[in-house]
N, C-alpha and C. Protein backbone atom coordinates (compact mmCIF):
# COMPACT_ATOMS: atom_id res chain seq x y z
N UNK A 1 0.82 -1.19 0.01
CA UNK A 1 -0.01 -0.02 0.00
C UNK A 1 0.88 1.21 -0.01
N UNK A 2 2.04 1.31 0.78
CA UNK A 2 2.83 2.46 0.96
C UNK A 2 3.20 2.99 -0.52
N UNK A 3 3.54 2.17 -1.49
CA UNK A 3 3.89 2.71 -2.73
C UNK A 3 2.83 3.39 -3.52
N UNK A 4 1.42 3.24 -3.02
CA UNK A 4 0.31 3.94 -3.74
C UNK A 4 0.14 5.37 -3.08
N UNK A 5 0.84 5.64 -1.96
CA UNK A 5 0.57 6.97 -1.28
C UNK A 5 1.32 8.01 -1.94
N UNK A 6 0.72 9.15 -2.02
CA UNK A 6 1.39 10.22 -2.72
C UNK A 6 2.66 10.64 -2.09
N UNK A 7 2.69 10.74 -0.73
CA UNK A 7 3.91 11.28 -0.13
C UNK A 7 5.09 10.18 -0.46
N UNK A 8 4.87 8.89 -0.58
CA UNK A 8 5.87 8.02 -0.85
C UNK A 8 6.42 8.19 -2.28
N UNK A 9 5.46 8.48 -3.22
CA UNK A 9 5.81 8.70 -4.66
C UNK A 9 6.68 9.93 -4.71
N UNK A 10 6.36 10.97 -3.92
CA UNK A 10 7.08 12.23 -3.89
C UNK A 10 8.48 11.96 -3.31
N UNK A 11 8.51 11.19 -2.29
CA UNK A 11 9.93 10.88 -1.65
C UNK A 11 10.71 10.15 -2.66
N UNK A 12 10.23 9.14 -3.26
CA UNK A 12 10.90 8.37 -4.31
C UNK A 12 11.51 9.41 -5.43
N UNK A 13 10.57 10.29 -5.82
CA UNK A 13 11.05 11.22 -6.88
C UNK A 13 12.12 12.11 -6.31
N UNK A 14 12.12 12.43 -5.00
CA UNK A 14 13.24 13.27 -4.50
C UNK A 14 14.51 12.44 -4.48
N UNK A 15 14.39 11.14 -4.19
CA UNK A 15 15.68 10.40 -4.16
C UNK A 15 16.18 10.17 -5.60
N UNK A 16 15.32 10.06 -6.52
CA UNK A 16 15.73 9.94 -8.00
C UNK A 16 16.30 11.24 -8.46
N UNK A 17 15.78 12.41 -8.00
CA UNK A 17 16.39 13.58 -8.48
C UNK A 17 17.78 13.84 -7.78
N UNK A 18 17.91 13.41 -6.63
CA UNK A 18 19.21 13.44 -5.99
C UNK A 18 20.23 12.54 -6.69
N UNK A 19 19.72 11.39 -7.13
CA UNK A 19 20.58 10.55 -7.88
C UNK A 19 21.08 11.04 -9.20
N UNK A 20 20.27 11.93 -9.73
CA UNK A 20 20.63 12.68 -11.05
C UNK A 20 21.45 13.84 -10.80
N UNK A 21 21.57 14.13 -9.55
CA UNK A 21 22.45 15.31 -9.24
C UNK A 21 21.62 16.67 -9.13
N UNK A 22 20.34 16.56 -9.14
CA UNK A 22 19.50 17.73 -9.02
C UNK A 22 19.14 17.98 -7.51
N UNK A 23 20.03 18.53 -6.88
CA UNK A 23 19.95 18.61 -5.35
C UNK A 23 18.78 19.52 -4.93
N UNK A 24 18.76 20.61 -5.61
CA UNK A 24 17.68 21.58 -5.24
C UNK A 24 16.19 21.01 -5.39
N UNK A 25 16.03 20.31 -6.47
CA UNK A 25 14.68 19.61 -6.73
C UNK A 25 14.60 18.51 -5.70
N UNK A 26 15.58 17.72 -5.39
CA UNK A 26 15.51 16.76 -4.35
C UNK A 26 15.07 17.31 -3.02
N UNK A 27 15.60 18.57 -2.61
CA UNK A 27 15.39 19.04 -1.37
C UNK A 27 13.87 19.56 -1.35
N UNK A 28 13.37 20.16 -2.50
CA UNK A 28 12.05 20.68 -2.56
C UNK A 28 11.02 19.37 -2.48
N UNK A 29 11.34 18.37 -3.14
CA UNK A 29 10.45 17.22 -3.20
C UNK A 29 10.36 16.56 -1.82
N UNK A 30 11.49 16.49 -1.14
CA UNK A 30 11.55 15.84 0.16
C UNK A 30 10.60 16.63 1.04
N UNK A 31 10.75 17.98 0.99
CA UNK A 31 9.82 18.80 1.87
C UNK A 31 8.39 18.64 1.60
N UNK A 32 8.12 18.54 0.27
CA UNK A 32 6.69 18.31 -0.28
C UNK A 32 6.24 16.81 0.34
N UNK A 33 7.12 15.93 0.33
CA UNK A 33 6.72 14.52 0.75
C UNK A 33 6.29 14.61 2.23
N UNK A 34 7.05 15.40 3.02
CA UNK A 34 6.66 15.45 4.53
C UNK A 34 5.35 16.19 4.55
N UNK A 35 5.12 17.21 3.82
CA UNK A 35 3.90 18.02 3.87
C UNK A 35 2.68 17.09 3.44
N UNK A 36 2.96 16.27 2.46
CA UNK A 36 1.78 15.25 2.09
C UNK A 36 1.54 14.27 3.09
N UNK A 37 2.61 13.83 3.75
CA UNK A 37 2.44 12.85 4.88
C UNK A 37 1.74 13.47 6.04
N UNK A 38 1.65 14.79 6.23
CA UNK A 38 0.95 15.31 7.37
C UNK A 38 -0.57 15.30 7.17
N UNK A 39 -1.03 14.68 6.07
CA UNK A 39 -2.45 14.61 5.94
C UNK A 39 -3.09 13.80 7.04
N UNK A 40 -4.06 14.57 7.72
CA UNK A 40 -4.60 13.91 8.92
C UNK A 40 -5.39 12.64 8.69
N UNK A 41 -5.72 12.33 7.40
CA UNK A 41 -6.45 11.11 7.12
C UNK A 41 -5.52 9.84 7.02
N UNK A 42 -4.24 10.10 7.09
CA UNK A 42 -3.31 8.95 7.09
C UNK A 42 -2.94 8.53 8.43
N UNK A 43 -2.67 7.21 8.58
CA UNK A 43 -2.27 6.72 9.91
C UNK A 43 -0.86 7.38 10.39
N UNK A 44 -0.80 7.45 11.73
CA UNK A 44 0.34 8.12 12.30
C UNK A 44 1.71 7.60 11.78
N UNK A 45 1.85 6.36 11.40
CA UNK A 45 3.04 5.77 11.02
C UNK A 45 3.54 6.31 9.63
N UNK A 46 2.61 6.71 8.82
CA UNK A 46 2.98 7.36 7.54
C UNK A 46 3.76 8.61 7.69
N UNK A 47 3.31 9.59 8.62
CA UNK A 47 4.06 10.78 8.89
C UNK A 47 5.36 10.43 9.62
N UNK A 48 5.37 9.44 10.49
CA UNK A 48 6.59 9.10 11.19
C UNK A 48 7.59 8.57 10.21
N UNK A 49 7.19 7.76 9.32
CA UNK A 49 8.14 7.28 8.27
C UNK A 49 8.70 8.38 7.34
N UNK A 50 7.82 9.28 6.91
CA UNK A 50 8.28 10.36 6.06
C UNK A 50 9.28 11.22 6.72
N UNK A 51 9.11 11.56 8.01
CA UNK A 51 9.99 12.35 8.82
C UNK A 51 11.28 11.63 9.05
N UNK A 52 11.14 10.37 9.19
CA UNK A 52 12.43 9.45 9.37
C UNK A 52 13.25 9.50 8.00
N UNK A 53 12.55 9.36 7.02
CA UNK A 53 13.21 9.33 5.67
C UNK A 53 13.91 10.83 5.40
N UNK A 54 13.08 11.75 5.73
CA UNK A 54 13.63 13.14 5.51
C UNK A 54 14.81 13.40 6.51
N UNK A 55 14.81 12.93 7.67
CA UNK A 55 15.91 13.16 8.58
C UNK A 55 17.10 12.47 7.99
N UNK A 56 17.08 11.21 7.51
CA UNK A 56 18.21 10.54 6.91
C UNK A 56 18.64 11.27 5.83
N UNK A 57 17.81 11.71 4.91
CA UNK A 57 18.20 12.48 3.69
C UNK A 57 18.98 13.72 4.04
N UNK A 58 18.39 14.56 4.92
CA UNK A 58 19.16 15.80 5.31
C UNK A 58 20.44 15.51 6.12
N UNK A 59 20.48 14.48 6.82
CA UNK A 59 21.69 14.21 7.62
C UNK A 59 22.84 13.74 6.70
N UNK A 60 22.52 12.94 5.76
CA UNK A 60 23.52 12.24 4.90
C UNK A 60 23.70 12.90 3.44
N UNK A 61 22.78 13.67 3.03
CA UNK A 61 22.80 14.17 1.72
C UNK A 61 23.02 15.73 1.67
N UNK A 62 22.14 16.40 2.41
CA UNK A 62 22.25 17.96 2.42
C UNK A 62 23.10 18.45 3.45
N UNK A 63 23.32 17.57 4.53
CA UNK A 63 24.18 17.95 5.73
C UNK A 63 23.50 19.21 6.46
N UNK A 64 22.20 19.18 6.37
CA UNK A 64 21.44 20.18 7.08
C UNK A 64 21.06 19.53 8.44
N UNK A 65 22.02 19.53 9.30
CA UNK A 65 21.95 18.73 10.61
C UNK A 65 20.73 19.28 11.57
N UNK A 66 20.53 20.59 11.39
CA UNK A 66 19.36 21.06 12.20
C UNK A 66 18.08 20.62 11.75
N UNK A 67 17.81 20.65 10.51
CA UNK A 67 16.52 20.07 9.95
C UNK A 67 16.44 18.61 10.25
N UNK A 68 17.50 17.88 9.98
CA UNK A 68 17.62 16.42 10.26
C UNK A 68 17.21 16.22 11.66
N UNK A 69 17.77 16.92 12.61
CA UNK A 69 17.47 16.77 14.04
C UNK A 69 16.04 17.08 14.33
N UNK A 70 15.49 18.12 13.77
CA UNK A 70 14.12 18.37 14.01
C UNK A 70 13.17 17.29 13.55
N UNK A 71 13.51 16.72 12.35
CA UNK A 71 12.68 15.62 11.82
C UNK A 71 12.94 14.33 12.59
N UNK A 72 14.20 14.05 13.06
CA UNK A 72 14.33 12.87 13.93
C UNK A 72 13.53 13.07 15.26
N UNK A 73 13.61 14.29 15.88
CA UNK A 73 12.80 14.54 17.16
C UNK A 73 11.29 14.27 16.86
N UNK A 74 10.83 14.89 15.89
CA UNK A 74 9.31 14.68 15.66
C UNK A 74 8.95 13.34 15.34
N UNK A 75 9.75 12.64 14.53
CA UNK A 75 9.60 11.19 14.27
C UNK A 75 9.63 10.34 15.45
N UNK A 76 10.62 10.62 16.29
CA UNK A 76 10.80 9.92 17.57
C UNK A 76 9.53 10.16 18.52
N UNK A 77 9.18 11.38 18.54
CA UNK A 77 7.93 11.70 19.44
C UNK A 77 6.78 10.91 18.93
N UNK A 78 6.44 10.96 17.63
CA UNK A 78 5.38 10.19 17.14
C UNK A 78 5.46 8.75 17.43
N UNK A 79 6.63 8.18 17.28
CA UNK A 79 6.83 6.73 17.46
C UNK A 79 6.61 6.47 19.01
N UNK A 80 7.26 7.31 19.80
CA UNK A 80 7.13 7.00 21.19
C UNK A 80 5.74 7.25 21.80
N UNK A 81 4.89 8.03 21.23
CA UNK A 81 3.62 8.28 21.76
C UNK A 81 2.57 7.34 21.25
N UNK A 82 2.91 6.33 20.32
CA UNK A 82 1.89 5.51 19.88
C UNK A 82 2.12 4.00 20.49
N UNK A 83 1.17 3.45 20.82
CA UNK A 83 1.21 2.18 21.51
C UNK A 83 1.88 1.04 20.62
N UNK A 84 1.56 1.14 19.25
CA UNK A 84 2.13 0.16 18.29
C UNK A 84 3.65 0.39 18.02
N UNK A 85 4.18 1.28 18.55
CA UNK A 85 5.64 1.56 18.22
C UNK A 85 6.53 0.40 18.72
N UNK A 86 7.46 -0.02 17.93
CA UNK A 86 8.47 -0.99 18.21
C UNK A 86 9.58 -0.39 19.06
N UNK A 87 9.86 -0.93 20.23
CA UNK A 87 10.84 -0.32 21.26
C UNK A 87 12.24 -0.34 20.66
N UNK A 88 12.54 -1.33 19.79
CA UNK A 88 13.87 -1.36 19.16
C UNK A 88 13.92 -0.26 18.15
N UNK A 89 12.92 0.05 17.43
CA UNK A 89 12.91 1.25 16.51
C UNK A 89 13.07 2.50 17.29
N UNK A 90 12.35 2.57 18.36
CA UNK A 90 12.52 3.81 19.16
C UNK A 90 13.99 3.98 19.71
N UNK A 91 14.72 2.98 20.02
CA UNK A 91 16.03 2.99 20.50
C UNK A 91 16.94 3.38 19.34
N UNK A 92 16.65 2.89 18.20
CA UNK A 92 17.35 3.08 16.97
C UNK A 92 17.36 4.66 16.62
N UNK A 93 16.12 5.13 16.70
CA UNK A 93 16.00 6.63 16.46
C UNK A 93 16.81 7.46 17.46
N UNK A 94 16.68 7.08 18.74
CA UNK A 94 17.50 7.83 19.72
C UNK A 94 18.94 7.72 19.44
N UNK A 95 19.46 6.68 18.91
CA UNK A 95 20.83 6.63 18.54
C UNK A 95 21.14 7.53 17.38
N UNK A 96 20.26 7.51 16.45
CA UNK A 96 20.42 8.38 15.19
C UNK A 96 20.41 9.82 15.59
N UNK A 97 19.57 9.98 16.57
CA UNK A 97 19.40 11.53 17.10
C UNK A 97 20.69 11.96 17.74
N UNK A 98 21.27 11.05 18.54
CA UNK A 98 22.43 11.40 19.27
C UNK A 98 23.69 11.67 18.24
N UNK A 99 23.66 10.79 17.31
CA UNK A 99 24.73 10.92 16.19
C UNK A 99 24.55 12.26 15.51
N UNK A 100 23.29 12.61 15.12
CA UNK A 100 23.08 13.91 14.45
C UNK A 100 23.32 15.00 15.32
N UNK A 101 23.00 15.03 16.60
CA UNK A 101 23.25 16.10 17.51
C UNK A 101 24.78 16.35 17.56
N UNK A 102 25.58 15.22 17.59
CA UNK A 102 27.04 15.47 17.62
C UNK A 102 27.56 16.11 16.36
N UNK A 103 26.97 15.70 15.21
CA UNK A 103 27.33 16.42 13.87
C UNK A 103 26.87 17.91 13.93
N UNK A 104 25.78 18.12 14.50
CA UNK A 104 25.22 19.42 14.71
C UNK A 104 26.22 20.36 15.45
N UNK A 105 26.66 19.81 16.65
CA UNK A 105 27.54 20.45 17.42
C UNK A 105 28.81 20.73 16.75
N UNK A 106 29.36 19.69 16.09
CA UNK A 106 30.73 19.87 15.33
C UNK A 106 30.56 20.87 14.22
N UNK A 107 29.42 20.97 13.59
CA UNK A 107 29.09 21.82 12.42
C UNK A 107 29.09 23.34 13.02
N UNK A 108 28.59 23.48 14.21
CA UNK A 108 28.59 24.86 14.78
C UNK A 108 29.82 25.39 15.22
N UNK A 109 30.96 24.63 15.33
CA UNK A 109 32.24 25.07 15.74
C UNK A 109 32.99 25.77 14.84
C-alpha cells in the first residue's frame, strides 16, 4: 500500500532527483513529501516514516543537521507516543538523534 501513497511517490522522486544530481529539486520534493504525509487522514506511522526518511536524507545528503535533528525528534515523538511503536525502532532513532546532535555541534564550531 505504501507505494500507492502520494507522499511516498514524492519521496521516491526526491531520491531519484538526488541520484541525477538535481539537489535543489530533491530538497523541494523531500519537503513536499513530508507535507503530504501530514495529511490527517493517514495513519500516524506514515508521517513518522516520512519524517524519518527526511531526517536521513538531510543528515547524509544535504548535511542540514538542524533540519535532520528536527525531523528525527518529531519522528521519535510520534513513534514514542503510539502504542504500536516497536521499542527497538525507538532506541534506533534515539541513537540516530545522538549521532546527528554530535554532527550539529561539530558543524557549529
